[in-house]
Protein backbone atom coordinates (compact mmCIF):
# COMPACT_ATOMS: atom_id res chain seq x y z
CA UNK A 1 0.00 0.00 0.00
CA UNK A 2 2.88 2.34 0.77
CA UNK A 3 4.34 1.75 -2.71
CA UNK A 4 0.99 2.56 -4.29
CA UNK A 5 0.72 5.76 -2.23
CA UNK A 6 4.26 6.75 -3.23
CA UNK A 7 3.44 6.11 -6.89
CA UNK A 8 0.35 8.29 -6.67
CA UNK A 9 2.40 11.09 -5.07
CA UNK A 10 4.65 11.17 -8.17
CA UNK A 11 3.81 13.90 -10.63
CA UNK A 12 1.68 12.00 -13.15
CA UNK A 13 1.64 14.90 -15.61
CA UNK A 14 4.63 13.30 -17.33
CA UNK A 15 3.64 10.62 -19.91
CA UNK A 16 6.33 8.19 -18.75
CA UNK A 17 5.18 8.48 -15.11
CA UNK A 18 1.61 7.75 -16.15
CA UNK A 19 2.76 4.74 -18.17
CA UNK A 20 4.86 3.40 -15.28
CA UNK A 21 1.96 3.83 -12.89
CA UNK A 22 -0.42 2.05 -15.27
CA UNK A 23 1.99 -0.85 -15.79
CA UNK A 24 2.46 -1.21 -12.02
CA UNK A 25 -1.29 -1.27 -11.39
CA UNK A 26 -1.84 -3.83 -14.17
CA UNK A 27 0.96 -6.05 -12.81
CA UNK A 28 -0.49 -5.95 -9.29
CA UNK A 29 -4.00 -6.74 -10.54
CA UNK A 30 -2.66 -9.59 -12.68
CA UNK A 31 -0.80 -11.09 -9.71
CA UNK A 32 -3.91 -10.82 -7.54
CA UNK A 33 -6.12 -12.52 -10.13
CA UNK A 34 -3.59 -15.32 -10.60
CA UNK A 35 -3.21 -15.89 -6.86
CA UNK A 36 -6.90 -15.80 -6.07
CA UNK A 37 -8.40 -17.64 -9.04
CA UNK A 38 -6.00 -19.39 -11.39
CA UNK A 39 -3.71 -21.20 -8.93
CA UNK A 40 -6.56 -22.73 -6.88
CA UNK A 41 -8.31 -23.72 -10.11
CA UNK A 42 -5.15 -25.46 -11.35
CA UNK A 43 -4.68 -27.30 -8.06
CA UNK A 44 -8.29 -28.51 -8.01
CA UNK A 45 -7.89 -29.87 -11.53
CA UNK A 46 -4.69 -31.85 -10.92
CA UNK A 47 -4.93 -35.60 -10.36
CA UNK A 48 -2.44 -38.48 -10.35
CA UNK A 49 -3.49 -42.09 -10.93
CA UNK A 50 -1.31 -45.15 -10.53
CA UNK A 51 -2.38 -47.67 -13.15
CA UNK A 52 -0.94 -51.05 -14.08
CA UNK A 53 1.03 -49.58 -16.98
CA UNK A 54 2.46 -46.61 -15.10
CA UNK A 55 1.27 -43.20 -13.92
CA UNK A 56 -1.47 -41.02 -15.44
CA UNK A 57 -1.23 -37.30 -14.68
CA UNK A 58 -4.39 -35.24 -15.34
CA UNK A 59 -3.89 -31.46 -15.55
CA UNK A 60 -5.91 -28.43 -16.55
CA UNK A 61 -9.28 -26.82 -16.20
CA UNK A 62 -9.86 -25.18 -19.58
CA UNK A 63 -7.10 -26.86 -21.54
CA UNK A 64 -6.91 -30.39 -20.20
CA UNK A 65 -4.06 -32.78 -20.73
CA UNK A 66 -3.27 -36.31 -19.67
CA UNK A 67 0.35 -37.44 -19.43
CA UNK A 68 1.20 -41.12 -19.27
CA UNK A 69 4.54 -42.05 -17.71
CA UNK A 70 5.17 -45.75 -18.42
CA UNK A 71 6.22 -47.84 -15.43
CA UNK A 72 9.11 -49.33 -17.41
CA UNK A 73 10.55 -45.85 -18.10
CA UNK A 74 10.57 -44.62 -14.49
CA UNK A 75 14.15 -44.86 -13.25
CA UNK A 76 14.05 -42.89 -9.99
CA UNK A 77 11.27 -41.57 -7.77
CA UNK A 78 12.37 -38.78 -5.44
CA UNK A 79 10.52 -37.42 -2.43
CA UNK A 80 11.18 -33.75 -1.67
CA UNK A 81 10.01 -31.93 1.42
CA UNK A 82 11.22 -28.84 3.17
CA UNK A 83 10.28 -27.50 6.59
CA UNK A 84 7.00 -25.94 5.39
CA UNK A 85 5.83 -28.99 3.42
CA UNK A 86 6.79 -31.27 6.32
CA UNK A 87 4.78 -29.09 8.73
CA UNK A 88 1.79 -29.28 6.37
CA UNK A 89 2.12 -33.07 6.13
CA UNK A 90 2.75 -33.14 2.38
CA UNK A 91 5.70 -33.81 0.08
CA UNK A 92 6.57 -33.27 -3.57
CA UNK A 93 7.23 -36.23 -5.80
CA UNK A 94 9.59 -36.17 -8.78
CA UNK A 95 9.56 -38.99 -11.35
CA UNK A 96 12.74 -39.37 -13.40
CA UNK A 97 12.69 -41.00 -16.83
CA UNK A 98 15.47 -41.14 -19.42
CA UNK A 99 13.77 -38.35 -21.40
CA UNK A 100 12.66 -35.95 -18.67
CA UNK A 101 11.71 -35.41 -15.06
CA UNK A 102 8.09 -35.00 -14.03
CA UNK A 103 7.47 -32.83 -10.96
CA UNK A 104 4.14 -33.43 -9.26
CA UNK A 105 2.31 -31.02 -6.99
CA UNK A 106 2.64 -31.62 -3.26
CA UNK A 107 0.59 -34.61 -2.14
CA UNK A 108 0.11 -36.55 1.06
CA UNK A 109 3.08 -38.51 2.37
CA UNK A 110 1.34 -41.94 1.99
CA UNK A 111 0.65 -41.13 -1.67
CA UNK A 112 4.31 -40.24 -2.22
CA UNK A 113 5.31 -43.51 -0.51
CA UNK A 114 3.06 -45.42 -2.95
CA UNK A 115 4.75 -43.62 -5.84
CA UNK A 116 8.16 -44.57 -4.44
CA UNK A 117 7.09 -48.23 -4.32
CA UNK A 118 6.14 -47.90 -7.98
CA UNK A 119 9.67 -46.72 -8.76
CA UNK A 120 11.29 -49.55 -6.80
CA UNK A 121 9.39 -52.19 -8.84
CA UNK A 122 10.42 -50.70 -12.18
């Protein structure tokens, strides 16, 4: 709020000052919209399924995609958790294949353990 007040106090008679102020306001509004609407929507529309052939990853609300990571291609499954994730009782899971690494959103620790069992049977 202090930055916004300081920006308003600037002489906005100059065209460049008006443009800078407008860009700042648009950036702040964009960040607010993303934080309040888009990120929760993306998280609600993310799902991971363990199937007999590997892992299916469902993503997207408007533009949906399904990724299939074959069980035979998974070389390493890594569990990542920092102090905040550990306190929340979740962990991130990273699947490594020869072609790429697939980073999954934080999920419950038992789910990550099931994913790690999947990697150990590959």
